[in-house]
Every structure is written in structure tokens, then in C-alpha cells.
């Protein structure tokens, strides 16, 4: 006699794509998140295997949908640029985001940031940066011997993974690409584009004026040569 054993099918684990929290608490925090995310994304726009995201939930352990965090900006080098509702690490060749940024708002607490540091330490982040735009304060950690250690001097620091240089001025954090170009807000980029268009238009107008002037000189020379020929003088022999 064969005894049939009934098994209860396991309920699939759902990994929510939203934690119900706002991306930012104020316009300044939002501006910085967008500027950093956009700047890094633009830096690696030609590399199909660098994924850059803002405020995306990262689940590091399969089967645990409570263990998660949403970095303000995260960079996963070695992962394709495809749409994701969340970052499920076990579906990403078990590659943890190597670089994360957090932009502080007045609502962030020391306890919250300590928990995030512990999370990033535990689950493999290599570089962790925090920026407080209100206090113009920047700090960072780098993984050394499997431990995130504080970077002593952030001014002039160059990210090993991104090649981005950190500078601090009176107006705030400044990030520079390896080619020396500064990360810019959309408004700054639009302003630069308009200035470039204006310069190009001015150059085109100057070139047109030079061409017209050259044409006028050529016509004047032709008229003079014709006059000389009428007088029996060969202008080519002069």
C-alpha cells in the first residue's frame, strides 16, 4: 500500500518595490540626489554593465523581504543597465552595489545612519559616502581588509571605483569627473548648453562675416585687375 503524502505549496515571497517612504524630504535633498545619480549615470553612459539607481530598494538575502535598504544613490558595477523594480542581489550574480551615497535631510537620525553603516558594512559595500547639504559636511568610508573604515580626508579624495574627485567649497560639495568636468544640476547643464549655443552662433556669424569680407576683397581685386587690363596693363605681370 502506497501512502500519499500531501504537501502544502509554499507561498511565493513578495519583495515590495516601495517602502512607502518619500525619496526626499525637501527640495535641496532631492536636488543633490538627482545631481549625484545623474552625474554618475552620465559618467558611465557608454558602459552597458554599470547600473546606477536612486532610491531603489536593495534586498541582499533571498527569502528575507524585511532585510532591505534604499540608498539615495547606488552603483552596481558589473550589472547591466536594465529596468528594475528593486535590486534582488541573488538575481544579480550576487553582486552587491559597490558604491552608495546618502544625502541627509533634517529628518535623518544618528541611529538611522548607524544602522545603514552597519548594513553596508555587513553586505559588501566598498565605498559609502554621506553628504549633509545643510551643514556642507561630507564623510566617507572605504572597505579595507573587509571593514569599512573612515576616510581621514575627504577633500581631494578620488573614488577608487568611480574615479570621481571630491572637493568642498563654500557653496557645498563638488564632484569632478576624471576628465575634470564638474557634476552639474539640470539648470546648470541647460545654462551651459545655452551658452555653448550662443558661442557657436557667434562663431558662425563671425565666420560668415569673414567669408563676406573675403568675397568683397576678391571682387574688389577682380575689378581692379579689369581696370588695369583696360589700360593695357597685365595685372598678373605686376
C-alpha atoms as a PDB file:
ATOM      1  CA  UNK A   1       0.000   0.000   0.000  1.00  0.00           C
ATOM      2  CA  UNK A   2       1.344   3.407  -1.021  1.00  0.00           C
ATOM      3  CA  UNK A   3       0.664   6.281   1.324  1.00  0.00           C
ATOM      4  CA  UNK A   4       0.173   9.575  -0.441  1.00  0.00           C
ATOM      5  CA  UNK A   5       1.880  12.445   1.317  1.00  0.00           C
ATOM      6  CA  UNK A   6       0.206  15.770   0.703  1.00  0.00           C
ATOM      7  CA  UNK A   7       2.422  18.812   0.663  1.00  0.00           C
ATOM      8  CA  UNK A   8       1.292  22.367   1.040  1.00  0.00           C
ATOM      9  CA  UNK A   9       2.738  24.539  -1.741  1.00  0.00           C
ATOM     10  CA  UNK A  10       4.917  27.319  -0.425  1.00  0.00           C
ATOM     11  CA  UNK A  11       3.597  30.826  -0.825  1.00  0.00           C
ATOM     12  CA  UNK A  12       5.947  32.850  -3.044  1.00  0.00           C
ATOM     13  CA  UNK A  13       7.806  35.536  -1.156  1.00  0.00           C
ATOM     14  CA  UNK A  14       6.969  39.012  -2.367  1.00  0.00           C
ATOM     15  CA  UNK A  15       9.685  41.625  -2.340  1.00  0.00           C
ATOM     16  CA  UNK A  16       7.929  45.008  -2.296  1.00  0.00           C
ATOM     17  CA  UNK A  17       9.244  47.632  -4.698  1.00  0.00           C
ATOM     18  CA  UNK A  18       8.362  50.503  -2.384  1.00  0.00           C
ATOM     19  CA  UNK A  19       8.877  51.103   1.308  1.00  0.00           C
ATOM     20  CA  UNK A  20       6.255  53.840   1.441  1.00  0.00           C
ATOM     21  CA  UNK A  21       8.881  56.451   2.258  1.00  0.00           C
ATOM     22  CA  UNK A  22       9.432  59.602   0.168  1.00  0.00           C
ATOM     23  CA  UNK A  23      12.547  59.810  -1.958  1.00  0.00           C
ATOM     24  CA  UNK A  24      13.463  63.110  -0.312  1.00  0.00           C
ATOM     25  CA  UNK A  25      12.149  65.332   2.468  1.00  0.00           C
ATOM     26  CA  UNK A  26      12.950  68.666   0.858  1.00  0.00           C
ATOM     27  CA  UNK A  27      13.987  70.220  -2.433  1.00  0.00           C
ATOM     28  CA  UNK A  28      17.669  70.517  -1.505  1.00  0.00           C
ATOM     29  CA  UNK A  29      17.996  66.849  -0.671  1.00  0.00           C
ATOM     30  CA  UNK A  30      16.148  65.896  -3.864  1.00  0.00           C
ATOM     31  CA  UNK A  31      18.363  68.184  -5.970  1.00  0.00           C
ATOM     32  CA  UNK A  32      21.507  66.560  -4.630  1.00  0.00           C
ATOM     33  CA  UNK A  33      20.218  63.017  -5.070  1.00  0.00           C
ATOM     34  CA  UNK A  34      19.301  63.724  -8.699  1.00  0.00           C
ATOM     35  CA  UNK A  35      22.602  65.535  -9.356  1.00  0.00           C
ATOM     36  CA  UNK A  36      24.763  62.719  -7.949  1.00  0.00           C
ATOM     37  CA  UNK A  37      22.756  59.932  -9.571  1.00  0.00           C
ATOM     38  CA  UNK A  38      22.596  61.724 -12.912  1.00  0.00           C
ATOM     39  CA  UNK A  39      26.268  62.647 -12.843  1.00  0.00           C
ATOM     40  CA  UNK A  40      27.412  59.085 -12.199  1.00  0.00           C
ATOM     41  CA  UNK A  41      24.961  57.692 -14.747  1.00  0.00           C
ATOM     42  CA  UNK A  42      26.267  60.145 -17.353  1.00  0.00           C
ATOM     43  CA  UNK A  43      29.853  59.214 -16.468  1.00  0.00           C
ATOM     44  CA  UNK A  44      29.150  55.548 -17.280  1.00  0.00           C
ATOM     45  CA  UNK A  45      26.614  56.105 -20.062  1.00  0.00           C
ATOM     46  CA  UNK A  46      28.727  54.167 -22.569  1.00  0.00           C
ATOM     47  CA  UNK A  47      29.321  51.196 -20.269  1.00  0.00           C
ATOM     48  CA  UNK A  48      26.372  48.766 -20.513  1.00  0.00           C
ATOM     49  CA  UNK A  49      27.487  46.970 -17.365  1.00  0.00           C
ATOM     50  CA  UNK A  50      27.285  49.745 -14.805  1.00  0.00           C
ATOM     51  CA  UNK A  51      23.879  50.117 -13.166  1.00  0.00           C
ATOM     52  CA  UNK A  52      23.160  53.382 -11.347  1.00  0.00           C
ATOM     53  CA  UNK A  53      19.946  53.970  -9.396  1.00  0.00           C
ATOM     54  CA  UNK A  54      18.374  56.369  -6.947  1.00  0.00           C
ATOM     55  CA  UNK A  55      16.091  55.353  -4.078  1.00  0.00           C
ATOM     56  CA  UNK A  56      15.841  51.724  -5.236  1.00  0.00           C
ATOM     57  CA  UNK A  57      15.189  49.000  -2.686  1.00  0.00           C
ATOM     58  CA  UNK A  58      18.080  46.579  -2.347  1.00  0.00           C
ATOM     59  CA  UNK A  59      17.398  43.093  -0.953  1.00  0.00           C
ATOM     60  CA  UNK A  60      20.704  41.325  -0.194  1.00  0.00           C
ATOM     61  CA  UNK A  61      19.381  37.960   1.043  1.00  0.00           C
ATOM     62  CA  UNK A  62      16.935  35.705  -0.760  1.00  0.00           C
ATOM     63  CA  UNK A  63      13.978  34.682   1.367  1.00  0.00           C
ATOM     64  CA  UNK A  64      14.100  37.720   3.653  1.00  0.00           C
ATOM     65  CA  UNK A  65      11.867  40.533   2.428  1.00  0.00           C
ATOM     66  CA  UNK A  66      12.322  42.501   5.643  1.00  0.00           C
ATOM     67  CA  UNK A  67      16.056  42.894   5.188  1.00  0.00           C
ATOM     68  CA  UNK A  68      16.349  45.791   2.784  1.00  0.00           C
ATOM     69  CA  UNK A  69      17.547  49.337   2.315  1.00  0.00           C
ATOM     70  CA  UNK A  70      17.029  52.042  -0.315  1.00  0.00           C
ATOM     71  CA  UNK A  71      20.256  54.033  -0.767  1.00  0.00           C
ATOM     72  CA  UNK A  72      19.766  57.543  -2.098  1.00  0.00           C
ATOM     73  CA  UNK A  73      22.215  56.577  -4.856  1.00  0.00           C
ATOM     74  CA  UNK A  74      23.778  53.212  -5.540  1.00  0.00           C
ATOM     75  CA  UNK A  75      26.188  51.951  -8.175  1.00  0.00           C
ATOM     76  CA  UNK A  76      26.461  48.281  -9.154  1.00  0.00           C
ATOM     77  CA  UNK A  77      29.484  47.742 -11.370  1.00  0.00           C
ATOM     78  CA  UNK A  78      29.215  44.596 -13.454  1.00  0.00           C
ATOM     79  CA  UNK A  79      25.424  44.675 -13.731  1.00  0.00           C
ATOM     80  CA  UNK A  80      23.504  45.586 -16.895  1.00  0.00           C
ATOM     81  CA  UNK A  81      21.534  48.778 -17.440  1.00  0.00           C
ATOM     82  CA  UNK A  82      18.025  47.328 -17.404  1.00  0.00           C
ATOM     83  CA  UNK A  83      14.794  48.369 -15.725  1.00  0.00           C
ATOM     84  CA  UNK A  84      14.298  47.044 -12.202  1.00  0.00           C
ATOM     85  CA  UNK A  85      11.599  47.428  -9.600  1.00  0.00           C
ATOM     86  CA  UNK A  86      14.132  46.521  -6.926  1.00  0.00           C
ATOM     87  CA  UNK A  87      17.651  45.138  -6.686  1.00  0.00           C
ATOM     88  CA  UNK A  88      17.442  41.443  -5.749  1.00  0.00           C
ATOM     89  CA  UNK A  89      21.090  40.579  -5.162  1.00  0.00           C
ATOM     90  CA  UNK A  90      20.763  36.820  -5.728  1.00  0.00           C
ATOM     91  CA  UNK A  91      19.433  37.582  -9.217  1.00  0.00           C
ATOM     92  CA  UNK A  92      22.391  39.912  -9.893  1.00  0.00           C
ATOM     93  CA  UNK A  93      25.175  37.283  -9.787  1.00  0.00           C
ATOM     94  CA  UNK A  94      25.219  38.001  -6.041  1.00  0.00           C
ATOM     95  CA  UNK A  95      26.947  41.338  -6.762  1.00  0.00           C
ATOM     96  CA  UNK A  96      26.313  43.921  -4.063  1.00  0.00           C
ATOM     97  CA  UNK A  97      26.295  47.603  -5.014  1.00  0.00           C
ATOM     98  CA  UNK A  98      29.906  48.671  -4.616  1.00  0.00           C
ATOM     99  CA  UNK A  99      29.250  52.387  -4.065  1.00  0.00           C
ATOM    100  CA  UNK A 100      26.411  54.102  -2.196  1.00  0.00           C
ATOM    101  CA  UNK A 101      25.605  57.706  -1.368  1.00  0.00           C
ATOM    102  CA  UNK A 102      23.274  59.066   1.285  1.00  0.00           C
ATOM    103  CA  UNK A 103      22.138  62.699   1.251  1.00  0.00           C
ATOM    104  CA  UNK A 104      20.968  63.804   4.689  1.00  0.00           C
ATOM    105  CA  UNK A 105      17.808  65.699   5.500  1.00  0.00           C
ATOM    106  CA  UNK A 106      16.780  67.206   8.855  1.00  0.00           C
ATOM    107  CA  UNK A 107      14.685  64.093   9.478  1.00  0.00           C
ATOM    108  CA  UNK A 108      17.618  61.676   9.474  1.00  0.00           C
ATOM    109  CA  UNK A 109      18.741  60.450  12.887  1.00  0.00           C
ATOM    110  CA  UNK A 110      22.118  59.209  14.133  1.00  0.00           C
ATOM    111  CA  UNK A 111      20.548  55.838  14.903  1.00  0.00           C
ATOM    112  CA  UNK A 112      19.211  55.520  11.371  1.00  0.00           C
ATOM    113  CA  UNK A 113      22.571  56.363   9.810  1.00  0.00           C
ATOM    114  CA  UNK A 114      24.400  53.987  12.175  1.00  0.00           C
ATOM    115  CA  UNK A 115      22.068  51.179  11.079  1.00  0.00           C
ATOM    116  CA  UNK A 116      22.755  51.974   7.446  1.00  0.00           C
ATOM    117  CA  UNK A 117      26.507  51.933   8.029  1.00  0.00           C
ATOM    118  CA  UNK A 118      26.152  48.523   9.687  1.00  0.00           C
ATOM    119  CA  UNK A 119      24.024  47.272   6.762  1.00  0.00           C
ATOM    120  CA  UNK A 120      26.521  48.445   4.149  1.00  0.00           C
ATOM    121  CA  UNK A 121      29.382  47.001   6.172  1.00  0.00           C
ATOM    122  CA  UNK A 122      27.650  43.636   6.533  1.00  0.00           C
ATOM    123  CA  UNK A 123      26.523  43.229   2.925  1.00  0.00           C
ATOM    124  CA  UNK A 124      29.598  44.196   0.965  1.00  0.00           C
ATOM    125  CA  UNK A 125      29.522  47.880   0.010  1.00  0.00           C
ATOM    126  CA  UNK A 126      33.042  49.034  -0.872  1.00  0.00           C
ATOM    127  CA  UNK A 127      32.556  52.814  -0.726  1.00  0.00           C
ATOM    128  CA  UNK A 128      29.991  54.691   1.362  1.00  0.00           C
ATOM    129  CA  UNK A 129      29.555  58.464   1.267  1.00  0.00           C
ATOM    130  CA  UNK A 130      27.304  60.762   3.295  1.00  0.00           C
ATOM    131  CA  UNK A 131      26.620  64.385   2.430  1.00  0.00           C
ATOM    132  CA  UNK A 132      24.786  66.886   4.634  1.00  0.00           C
ATOM    133  CA  UNK A 133      23.906  69.854   2.368  1.00  0.00           C
ATOM    134  CA  UNK A 134      22.678  71.976   5.276  1.00  0.00           C
ATOM    135  CA  UNK A 135      25.978  71.751   7.152  1.00  0.00           C
ATOM    136  CA  UNK A 136      28.124  71.302   3.999  1.00  0.00           C
ATOM    137  CA  UNK A 137      29.636  68.258   5.657  1.00  0.00           C
ATOM    138  CA  UNK A 138      30.931  65.214   3.785  1.00  0.00           C
ATOM    139  CA  UNK A 139      32.294  61.967   5.119  1.00  0.00           C
ATOM    140  CA  UNK A 140      33.097  58.628   3.570  1.00  0.00           C
ATOM    141  CA  UNK A 141      34.158  55.074   4.276  1.00  0.00           C
ATOM    142  CA  UNK A 142      36.296  52.726   2.198  1.00  0.00           C
ATOM    143  CA  UNK A 143      36.465  48.947   2.574  1.00  0.00           C
ATOM    144  CA  UNK A 144      39.853  47.906   3.853  1.00  0.00           C
ATOM    145  CA  UNK A 145      40.534  44.310   4.913  1.00  0.00           C
ATOM    146  CA  UNK A 146      36.800  43.577   4.788  1.00  0.00           C
ATOM    147  CA  UNK A 147      35.980  46.516   7.012  1.00  0.00           C
ATOM    148  CA  UNK A 148      34.501  49.913   6.128  1.00  0.00           C
ATOM    149  CA  UNK A 149      36.945  52.415   7.588  1.00  0.00           C
ATOM    150  CA  UNK A 150      36.531  56.169   7.769  1.00  0.00           C
ATOM    151  CA  UNK A 151      38.333  58.215   5.131  1.00  0.00           C
ATOM    152  CA  UNK A 152      40.505  60.671   7.052  1.00  0.00           C
ATOM    153  CA  UNK A 153      40.481  63.483   4.484  1.00  0.00           C
ATOM    154  CA  UNK A 154      37.597  63.627   2.022  1.00  0.00           C
ATOM    155  CA  UNK A 155      38.690  66.873   0.345  1.00  0.00           C
ATOM    156  CA  UNK A 156      40.611  65.888  -2.767  1.00  0.00           C
ATOM    157  CA  UNK A 157      39.632  62.234  -2.328  1.00  0.00           C
ATOM    158  CA  UNK A 158      39.253  60.208  -5.538  1.00  0.00           C
ATOM    159  CA  UNK A 159      36.820  57.301  -5.510  1.00  0.00           C
ATOM    160  CA  UNK A 160      38.687  54.105  -6.459  1.00  0.00           C
ATOM    161  CA  UNK A 161      35.613  52.668  -8.177  1.00  0.00           C
ATOM    162  CA  UNK A 162      34.245  55.797  -9.882  1.00  0.00           C
ATOM    163  CA  UNK A 163      37.334  57.901 -10.441  1.00  0.00           C
ATOM    164  CA  UNK A 164      35.309  60.861  -9.146  1.00  0.00           C
ATOM    165  CA  UNK A 165      37.116  63.562  -7.149  1.00  0.00           C
ATOM    166  CA  UNK A 166      35.546  65.123  -4.063  1.00  0.00           C
ATOM    167  CA  UNK A 167      36.015  68.821  -3.334  1.00  0.00           C
ATOM    168  CA  UNK A 168      34.308  71.124  -0.832  1.00  0.00           C
ATOM    169  CA  UNK A 169      33.691  74.829  -1.343  1.00  0.00           C
ATOM    170  CA  UNK A 170      31.653  77.466   0.453  1.00  0.00           C
ATOM    171  CA  UNK A 171      28.690  76.595  -1.772  1.00  0.00           C
ATOM    172  CA  UNK A 172      28.849  72.890  -0.955  1.00  0.00           C
ATOM    173  CA  UNK A 173      30.073  69.549  -2.242  1.00  0.00           C
ATOM    174  CA  UNK A 174      31.700  69.499  -5.671  1.00  0.00           C
ATOM    175  CA  UNK A 175      32.206  66.269  -7.598  1.00  0.00           C
ATOM    176  CA  UNK A 176      34.510  66.122 -10.612  1.00  0.00           C
ATOM    177  CA  UNK A 177      34.716  63.503 -13.351  1.00  0.00           C
ATOM    178  CA  UNK A 178      38.116  62.035 -14.281  1.00  0.00           C
ATOM    179  CA  UNK A 179      38.200  64.438 -17.268  1.00  0.00           C
ATOM    180  CA  UNK A 180      37.866  67.398 -14.883  1.00  0.00           C
ATOM    181  CA  UNK A 181      34.259  68.249 -15.648  1.00  0.00           C
ATOM    182  CA  UNK A 182      32.093  69.084 -12.655  1.00  0.00           C
ATOM    183  CA  UNK A 183      28.830  67.339 -11.826  1.00  0.00           C
ATOM    184  CA  UNK A 184      26.090  69.860 -12.582  1.00  0.00           C
ATOM    185  CA  UNK A 185      22.413  70.296 -11.864  1.00  0.00           C
ATOM    186  CA  UNK A 186      19.957  70.239 -14.771  1.00  0.00           C
ATOM    187  CA  UNK A 187      19.670  74.028 -14.606  1.00  0.00           C
ATOM    188  CA  UNK A 188      23.460  74.392 -14.749  1.00  0.00           C
ATOM    189  CA  UNK A 189      23.641  71.971 -17.668  1.00  0.00           C
ATOM    190  CA  UNK A 190      20.905  73.871 -19.506  1.00  0.00           C
ATOM    191  CA  UNK A 191      22.674  77.154 -18.849  1.00  0.00           C
ATOM    192  CA  UNK A 192      25.946  75.704 -20.158  1.00  0.00           C
ATOM    193  CA  UNK A 193      24.123  74.363 -23.231  1.00  0.00           C
ATOM    194  CA  UNK A 194      22.606  77.773 -23.954  1.00  0.00           C
ATOM    195  CA  UNK A 195      25.997  79.461 -23.529  1.00  0.00           C
ATOM    196  CA  UNK A 196      27.587  76.916 -25.865  1.00  0.00           C
ATOM    197  CA  UNK A 197      24.850  77.509 -28.445  1.00  0.00           C
ATOM    198  CA  UNK A 198      25.344  81.265 -28.160  1.00  0.00           C
ATOM    199  CA  UNK A 199      29.105  80.901 -28.605  1.00  0.00           C
ATOM    200  CA  UNK A 200      28.574  78.627 -31.604  1.00  0.00           C
ATOM    201  CA  UNK A 201      26.150  81.139 -33.125  1.00  0.00           C
ATOM    202  CA  UNK A 202      28.618  83.983 -32.560  1.00  0.00           C
ATOM    203  CA  UNK A 203      31.412  81.925 -34.138  1.00  0.00           C
ATOM    204  CA  UNK A 204      29.184  81.134 -37.112  1.00  0.00           C
ATOM    205  CA  UNK A 205      28.303  84.819 -37.507  1.00  0.00           C
ATOM    206  CA  UNK A 206      31.990  85.785 -37.334  1.00  0.00           C
ATOM    207  CA  UNK A 207      32.846  83.126 -39.913  1.00  0.00           C
ATOM    208  CA  UNK A 208      30.057  84.407 -42.160  1.00  0.00           C
ATOM    209  CA  UNK A 209      31.311  87.981 -41.805  1.00  0.00           C
ATOM    210  CA  UNK A 210      34.863  86.869 -42.635  1.00  0.00           C
ATOM    211  CA  UNK A 211      33.599  84.999 -45.683  1.00  0.00           C
ATOM    212  CA  UNK A 212      31.646  88.039 -46.847  1.00  0.00           C
ATOM    213  CA  UNK A 213      34.670  90.262 -46.265  1.00  0.00           C
ATOM    214  CA  UNK A 214      36.892  87.870 -48.263  1.00  0.00           C
ATOM    215  CA  UNK A 215      34.313  87.798 -51.033  1.00  0.00           C
ATOM    216  CA  UNK A 216      34.222  91.598 -51.142  1.00  0.00           C
ATOM    217  CA  UNK A 217      38.033  91.743 -51.266  1.00  0.00           C
ATOM    218  CA  UNK A 218      38.097  89.223 -54.099  1.00  0.00           C
ATOM    219  CA  UNK A 219      35.507  91.214 -56.067  1.00  0.00           C
ATOM    220  CA  UNK A 220      37.447  94.426 -55.471  1.00  0.00           C
ATOM    221  CA  UNK A 221      40.663  92.764 -56.698  1.00  0.00           C
ATOM    222  CA  UNK A 222      38.877  91.490 -59.815  1.00  0.00           C
ATOM    223  CA  UNK A 223      37.524  94.945 -60.598  1.00  0.00           C
ATOM    224  CA  UNK A 224      40.986  96.465 -60.172  1.00  0.00           C
ATOM    225  CA  UNK A 225      42.523  93.819 -62.433  1.00  0.00           C
ATOM    226  CA  UNK A 226      39.909  94.514 -65.073  1.00  0.00           C
ATOM    227  CA  UNK A 227      40.661  98.259 -64.943  1.00  0.00           C
ATOM    228  CA  UNK A 228      44.364  97.559 -65.394  1.00  0.00           C
ATOM    229  CA  UNK A 229      43.668  95.356 -68.410  1.00  0.00           C
ATOM    230  CA  UNK A 230      41.581  98.164 -69.932  1.00  0.00           C
ATOM    231  CA  UNK A 231      44.647 100.380 -69.562  1.00  0.00           C
ATOM    232  CA  UNK A 232      46.788  97.766 -71.272  1.00  0.00           C
ATOM    233  CA  UNK A 233      48.485  96.617 -68.116  1.00  0.00           C
ATOM    234  CA  UNK A 234      48.754  92.917 -67.346  1.00  0.00           C
ATOM    235  CA  UNK A 235      47.966  92.632 -63.580  1.00  0.00           C
ATOM    236  CA  UNK A 236      49.482  89.135 -63.466  1.00  0.00           C
ATOM    237  CA  UNK A 237      52.833  90.511 -64.552  1.00  0.00           C
ATOM    238  CA  UNK A 238      52.961  93.088 -61.754  1.00  0.00           C
END
